[in-house]
Amino acid sequence: MEEKKMELTPEVKNKLKGFIGFQTDSIFKYVPKVFRDLENDIPKNLWPIFTLKSKDGIELAKIEDNIGDMKFDVITQETSMALKSGNTRITTLEYGIKKVNNFILDNGSVVSFENEELNIDGDIKKHRKVKEVIKLMPINLQKELQDVINERSELSQEELEGLE
């Protein structure tokens, strides 16, 4: 069987989103939606940039297995579900966040992270794990990044322009 490379237009890719394969080793940049919202009019120099890696198809399926436990009580005949969404979210973020630039804290400090190096306002700490950055993130940001990693939500060319 002969294989050939296909060129997909952005329109076709958008229509097929979630149903075409992806390269499992590639990384991509992402800026949270609130910063990109035109109504908020936040200058690009304030945008945090997260460099992410999505999970592959098998890893995504395994996450579903780890999200919770179903329990059946034989005496009461009741079924219950114990969800572990927080653990799943942290595992996904630890795997998917490869680099962080310009993540601003509420006190004005700027956080960057790359190659196990955490930089907060120029104070560089080596041999750090990405979990130290995740600790600084509010739940809404954690959930958005988790979804982006799982769904591989890439920015448009226009949104990527001017990002370092």
C-alpha atoms as a PDB file:
ATOM      1  CA  MET A   1       0.000   0.000   0.000  1.00  0.00           C
ATOM      2  CA  GLU A   2       1.408   3.367  -0.985  1.00  0.00           C
ATOM      3  CA  GLU A   3       1.236   6.182   1.548  1.00  0.00           C
ATOM      4  CA  LYS A   4       1.358   9.823   0.660  1.00  0.00           C
ATOM      5  CA  LYS A   5       1.423  12.989   2.707  1.00  0.00           C
ATOM      6  CA  MET A   6      -1.778  15.023   2.644  1.00  0.00           C
ATOM      7  CA  GLU A   7      -2.016  18.778   3.017  1.00  0.00           C
ATOM      8  CA  LEU A   8      -5.010  19.806   5.097  1.00  0.00           C
ATOM      9  CA  THR A   9      -6.274  23.356   5.101  1.00  0.00           C
ATOM     10  CA  PRO A  10      -6.960  24.971   8.483  1.00  0.00           C
ATOM     11  CA  GLU A  11     -10.688  24.850   7.646  1.00  0.00           C
ATOM     12  CA  VAL A  12     -10.621  21.099   7.003  1.00  0.00           C
ATOM     13  CA  LYS A  13      -8.518  20.524  10.145  1.00  0.00           C
ATOM     14  CA  ASN A  14     -11.054  22.485  12.173  1.00  0.00           C
ATOM     15  CA  LYS A  15     -13.955  20.455  10.766  1.00  0.00           C
ATOM     16  CA  LEU A  16     -12.143  17.194  11.572  1.00  0.00           C
ATOM     17  CA  LYS A  17     -10.881  18.313  14.994  1.00  0.00           C
ATOM     18  CA  GLY A  18     -10.844  15.363  17.357  1.00  0.00           C
ATOM     19  CA  PHE A  19     -10.964  12.810  14.543  1.00  0.00           C
ATOM     20  CA  ILE A  20      -7.599  13.081  12.804  1.00  0.00           C
ATOM     21  CA  GLY A  21      -4.348  11.707  14.181  1.00  0.00           C
ATOM     22  CA  PHE A  22      -1.612  13.822  15.706  1.00  0.00           C
ATOM     23  CA  GLN A  23       2.128  13.687  16.219  1.00  0.00           C
ATOM     24  CA  THR A  24       2.665  12.522  19.771  1.00  0.00           C
ATOM     25  CA  ASP A  25       6.112  14.049  20.214  1.00  0.00           C
ATOM     26  CA  SER A  26       5.345  17.616  19.195  1.00  0.00           C
ATOM     27  CA  ILE A  27       4.983  20.525  21.603  1.00  0.00           C
ATOM     28  CA  PHE A  28       2.909  23.671  21.163  1.00  0.00           C
ATOM     29  CA  LYS A  29       2.491  27.093  22.755  1.00  0.00           C
ATOM     30  CA  TYR A  30      -0.675  28.145  24.532  1.00  0.00           C
ATOM     31  CA  VAL A  31      -1.992  31.341  26.131  1.00  0.00           C
ATOM     32  CA  PRO A  32      -5.111  31.110  28.343  1.00  0.00           C
ATOM     33  CA  LYS A  33      -8.323  32.353  26.735  1.00  0.00           C
ATOM     34  CA  VAL A  34      -8.853  35.235  29.162  1.00  0.00           C
ATOM     35  CA  PHE A  35      -5.670  36.899  27.889  1.00  0.00           C
ATOM     36  CA  ARG A  36      -6.616  36.406  24.223  1.00  0.00           C
ATOM     37  CA  ASP A  37     -10.171  37.715  24.637  1.00  0.00           C
ATOM     38  CA  LEU A  38     -10.378  40.875  22.533  1.00  0.00           C
ATOM     39  CA  GLU A  39     -12.836  42.437  24.962  1.00  0.00           C
ATOM     40  CA  ASN A  40     -10.264  42.247  27.772  1.00  0.00           C
ATOM     41  CA  ASP A  41      -7.699  44.113  25.647  1.00  0.00           C
ATOM     42  CA  ILE A  42      -4.727  42.736  27.604  1.00  0.00           C
ATOM     43  CA  PRO A  43      -1.395  43.640  25.940  1.00  0.00           C
ATOM     44  CA  LYS A  44       0.621  40.690  24.614  1.00  0.00           C
ATOM     45  CA  ASN A  45       3.587  41.536  26.847  1.00  0.00           C
ATOM     46  CA  LEU A  46       1.425  40.482  29.832  1.00  0.00           C
ATOM     47  CA  TRP A  47       0.398  37.148  28.309  1.00  0.00           C
ATOM     48  CA  PRO A  48       1.786  34.050  30.003  1.00  0.00           C
ATOM     49  CA  ILE A  49       3.031  31.472  27.502  1.00  0.00           C
ATOM     50  CA  PHE A  50       2.767  27.785  28.330  1.00  0.00           C
ATOM     51  CA  THR A  51       4.679  25.332  26.153  1.00  0.00           C
ATOM     52  CA  LEU A  52       2.721  22.095  26.297  1.00  0.00           C
ATOM     53  CA  LYS A  53       2.879  18.509  25.107  1.00  0.00           C
ATOM     54  CA  SER A  54      -0.316  16.571  24.606  1.00  0.00           C
ATOM     55  CA  LYS A  55      -0.814  13.025  25.763  1.00  0.00           C
ATOM     56  CA  ASP A  56      -0.999  10.292  23.171  1.00  0.00           C
ATOM     57  CA  GLY A  57      -4.146   8.248  22.565  1.00  0.00           C
ATOM     58  CA  ILE A  58      -3.188   5.447  24.966  1.00  0.00           C
ATOM     59  CA  GLU A  59      -2.246   7.847  27.759  1.00  0.00           C
ATOM     60  CA  LEU A  60      -5.568   9.654  27.335  1.00  0.00           C
ATOM     61  CA  ALA A  61      -7.474   6.375  27.627  1.00  0.00           C
ATOM     62  CA  LYS A  62      -5.530   5.392  30.752  1.00  0.00           C
ATOM     63  CA  ILE A  63      -6.510   8.672  32.393  1.00  0.00           C
ATOM     64  CA  GLU A  64     -10.170   7.691  32.085  1.00  0.00           C
ATOM     65  CA  ASP A  65      -9.400   4.496  34.034  1.00  0.00           C
ATOM     66  CA  ASN A  66      -7.769   6.487  36.829  1.00  0.00           C
ATOM     67  CA  ILE A  67     -10.394   9.220  37.175  1.00  0.00           C
ATOM     68  CA  GLY A  68     -12.438   7.414  39.819  1.00  0.00           C
ATOM     69  CA  ASP A  69     -13.810   4.244  41.369  1.00  0.00           C
ATOM     70  CA  MET A  70     -17.315   2.814  41.101  1.00  0.00           C
ATOM     71  CA  LYS A  71     -18.556   1.087  44.249  1.00  0.00           C
ATOM     72  CA  PHE A  72     -21.576  -1.156  44.722  1.00  0.00           C
ATOM     73  CA  ASP A  73     -22.984  -1.810  48.205  1.00  0.00           C
ATOM     74  CA  VAL A  74     -24.529  -5.302  48.195  1.00  0.00           C
ATOM     75  CA  ILE A  75     -26.544  -4.618  51.339  1.00  0.00           C
ATOM     76  CA  THR A  76     -28.200  -1.350  50.248  1.00  0.00           C
ATOM     77  CA  GLN A  77     -27.997  -2.177  46.524  1.00  0.00           C
ATOM     78  CA  GLU A  78     -26.689   1.358  45.923  1.00  0.00           C
ATOM     79  CA  THR A  79     -23.969   2.375  43.512  1.00  0.00           C
ATOM     80  CA  SER A  80     -21.642   5.289  44.178  1.00  0.00           C
ATOM     81  CA  MET A  81     -18.788   6.918  42.315  1.00  0.00           C
ATOM     82  CA  ALA A  82     -15.701   8.365  43.986  1.00  0.00           C
ATOM     83  CA  LEU A  83     -14.025  10.794  41.573  1.00  0.00           C
ATOM     84  CA  LYS A  84     -10.323  11.628  41.657  1.00  0.00           C
ATOM     85  CA  SER A  85     -10.316  14.546  39.241  1.00  0.00           C
ATOM     86  CA  GLY A  86      -7.706  16.540  41.188  1.00  0.00           C
ATOM     87  CA  ASN A  87      -5.127  13.753  40.995  1.00  0.00           C
ATOM     88  CA  THR A  88      -5.857  13.274  37.321  1.00  0.00           C
ATOM     89  CA  ARG A  89      -5.491  17.010  36.671  1.00  0.00           C
ATOM     90  CA  ILE A  90      -2.132  17.206  38.492  1.00  0.00           C
ATOM     91  CA  THR A  91      -0.789  14.151  36.644  1.00  0.00           C
ATOM     92  CA  THR A  92      -1.845  15.647  33.307  1.00  0.00           C
ATOM     93  CA  LEU A  93      -0.268  19.023  34.092  1.00  0.00           C
ATOM     94  CA  GLU A  94       2.985  17.445  35.310  1.00  0.00           C
ATOM     95  CA  TYR A  95       3.218  15.492  32.071  1.00  0.00           C
ATOM     96  CA  GLY A  96       2.045  18.243  29.725  1.00  0.00           C
ATOM     97  CA  ILE A  97       3.689  21.463  30.938  1.00  0.00           C
ATOM     98  CA  LYS A  98       7.175  21.670  29.431  1.00  0.00           C
ATOM     99  CA  LYS A  99       7.920  25.379  29.775  1.00  0.00           C
ATOM    100  CA  VAL A 100       6.331  28.483  31.322  1.00  0.00           C
ATOM    101  CA  ASN A 101       7.152  32.097  30.427  1.00  0.00           C
ATOM    102  CA  ASN A 102       5.786  35.303  31.919  1.00  0.00           C
ATOM    103  CA  PHE A 103       3.346  33.758  34.408  1.00  0.00           C
ATOM    104  CA  ILE A 104       2.420  36.726  36.599  1.00  0.00           C
ATOM    105  CA  LEU A 105       1.419  36.275  40.243  1.00  0.00           C
ATOM    106  CA  ASP A 106      -1.033  38.516  42.100  1.00  0.00           C
ATOM    107  CA  ASN A 107       1.855  40.330  43.818  1.00  0.00           C
ATOM    108  CA  GLY A 108       3.407  41.230  40.437  1.00  0.00           C
ATOM    109  CA  SER A 109       6.144  38.578  40.545  1.00  0.00           C
ATOM    110  CA  VAL A 110       6.954  36.906  37.234  1.00  0.00           C
ATOM    111  CA  VAL A 111       7.465  33.145  37.072  1.00  0.00           C
ATOM    112  CA  SER A 112       9.287  31.163  34.395  1.00  0.00           C
ATOM    113  CA  PHE A 113      10.089  27.467  34.306  1.00  0.00           C
ATOM    114  CA  GLU A 114      12.175  25.336  31.946  1.00  0.00           C
ATOM    115  CA  ASN A 115      14.405  22.274  32.241  1.00  0.00           C
ATOM    116  CA  GLU A 116      13.861  21.939  36.009  1.00  0.00           C
ATOM    117  CA  GLU A 117      14.825  25.580  36.528  1.00  0.00           C
ATOM    118  CA  LEU A 118      12.317  27.783  38.351  1.00  0.00           C
ATOM    119  CA  ASN A 119      12.789  31.542  38.008  1.00  0.00           C
ATOM    120  CA  ILE A 120      10.737  33.933  40.129  1.00  0.00           C
ATOM    121  CA  ASP A 121      11.738  37.560  39.584  1.00  0.00           C
ATOM    122  CA  GLY A 122      15.312  36.548  38.738  1.00  0.00           C
ATOM    123  CA  ASP A 123      15.706  34.244  41.756  1.00  0.00           C
ATOM    124  CA  ILE A 124      16.671  31.008  39.973  1.00  0.00           C
ATOM    125  CA  LYS A 125      16.252  27.646  41.677  1.00  0.00           C
ATOM    126  CA  LYS A 126      17.635  24.551  39.948  1.00  0.00           C
ATOM    127  CA  HIS A 127      16.448  20.924  40.102  1.00  0.00           C
ATOM    128  CA  ARG A 128      12.802  21.909  40.526  1.00  0.00           C
ATOM    129  CA  LYS A 129       9.744  20.047  39.310  1.00  0.00           C
ATOM    130  CA  VAL A 130       6.885  21.607  37.383  1.00  0.00           C
ATOM    131  CA  LYS A 131       4.686  20.847  40.407  1.00  0.00           C
ATOM    132  CA  GLU A 132       6.152  23.982  42.018  1.00  0.00           C
ATOM    133  CA  VAL A 133       4.608  26.067  39.224  1.00  0.00           C
ATOM    134  CA  ILE A 134       1.320  24.156  39.363  1.00  0.00           C
ATOM    135  CA  LYS A 135       1.070  25.034  43.083  1.00  0.00           C
ATOM    136  CA  LEU A 136       0.908  28.699  42.064  1.00  0.00           C
ATOM    137  CA  MET A 137      -1.986  28.191  39.606  1.00  0.00           C
ATOM    138  CA  PRO A 138      -5.642  28.801  40.412  1.00  0.00           C
ATOM    139  CA  ILE A 139      -8.030  25.922  39.686  1.00  0.00           C
ATOM    140  CA  ASN A 140      -9.564  27.623  36.604  1.00  0.00           C
ATOM    141  CA  LEU A 141      -6.149  27.876  34.955  1.00  0.00           C
ATOM    142  CA  GLN A 142      -5.293  24.301  35.919  1.00  0.00           C
ATOM    143  CA  LYS A 143      -8.527  23.021  34.368  1.00  0.00           C
ATOM    144  CA  GLU A 144      -8.065  25.032  31.169  1.00  0.00           C
ATOM    145  CA  LEU A 145      -4.501  23.770  30.712  1.00  0.00           C
ATOM    146  CA  GLN A 146      -5.617  20.213  31.446  1.00  0.00           C
ATOM    147  CA  ASP A 147      -8.273  20.436  28.732  1.00  0.00           C
ATOM    148  CA  VAL A 148      -5.795  21.965  26.285  1.00  0.00           C
ATOM    149  CA  ILE A 149      -3.281  19.174  26.927  1.00  0.00           C
ATOM    150  CA  ASN A 150      -5.945  16.484  26.550  1.00  0.00           C
ATOM    151  CA  GLU A 151      -7.634  18.056  23.516  1.00  0.00           C
ATOM    152  CA  ARG A 152      -4.489  19.491  21.930  1.00  0.00           C
ATOM    153  CA  SER A 153      -5.989  22.981  21.481  1.00  0.00           C
ATOM    154  CA  GLU A 154      -3.458  24.931  19.470  1.00  0.00           C
ATOM    155  CA  LEU A 155      -3.472  28.687  18.872  1.00  0.00           C
ATOM    156  CA  SER A 156      -4.031  30.264  15.482  1.00  0.00           C
ATOM    157  CA  GLN A 157      -1.106  31.805  13.570  1.00  0.00           C
ATOM    158  CA  GLU A 158      -2.474  35.262  14.384  1.00  0.00           C
ATOM    159  CA  GLU A 159      -2.529  34.488  18.124  1.00  0.00           C
ATOM    160  CA  LEU A 160       1.030  33.105  17.957  1.00  0.00           C
ATOM    161  CA  GLU A 161       2.446  36.243  16.324  1.00  0.00           C
ATOM    162  CA  GLY A 162       4.617  38.254  18.683  1.00  0.00           C
ATOM    163  CA  LEU A 163       4.944  35.526  21.317  1.00  0.00           C
ATOM    164  CA  GLU A 164       8.476  34.672  22.451  1.00  0.00           C
END
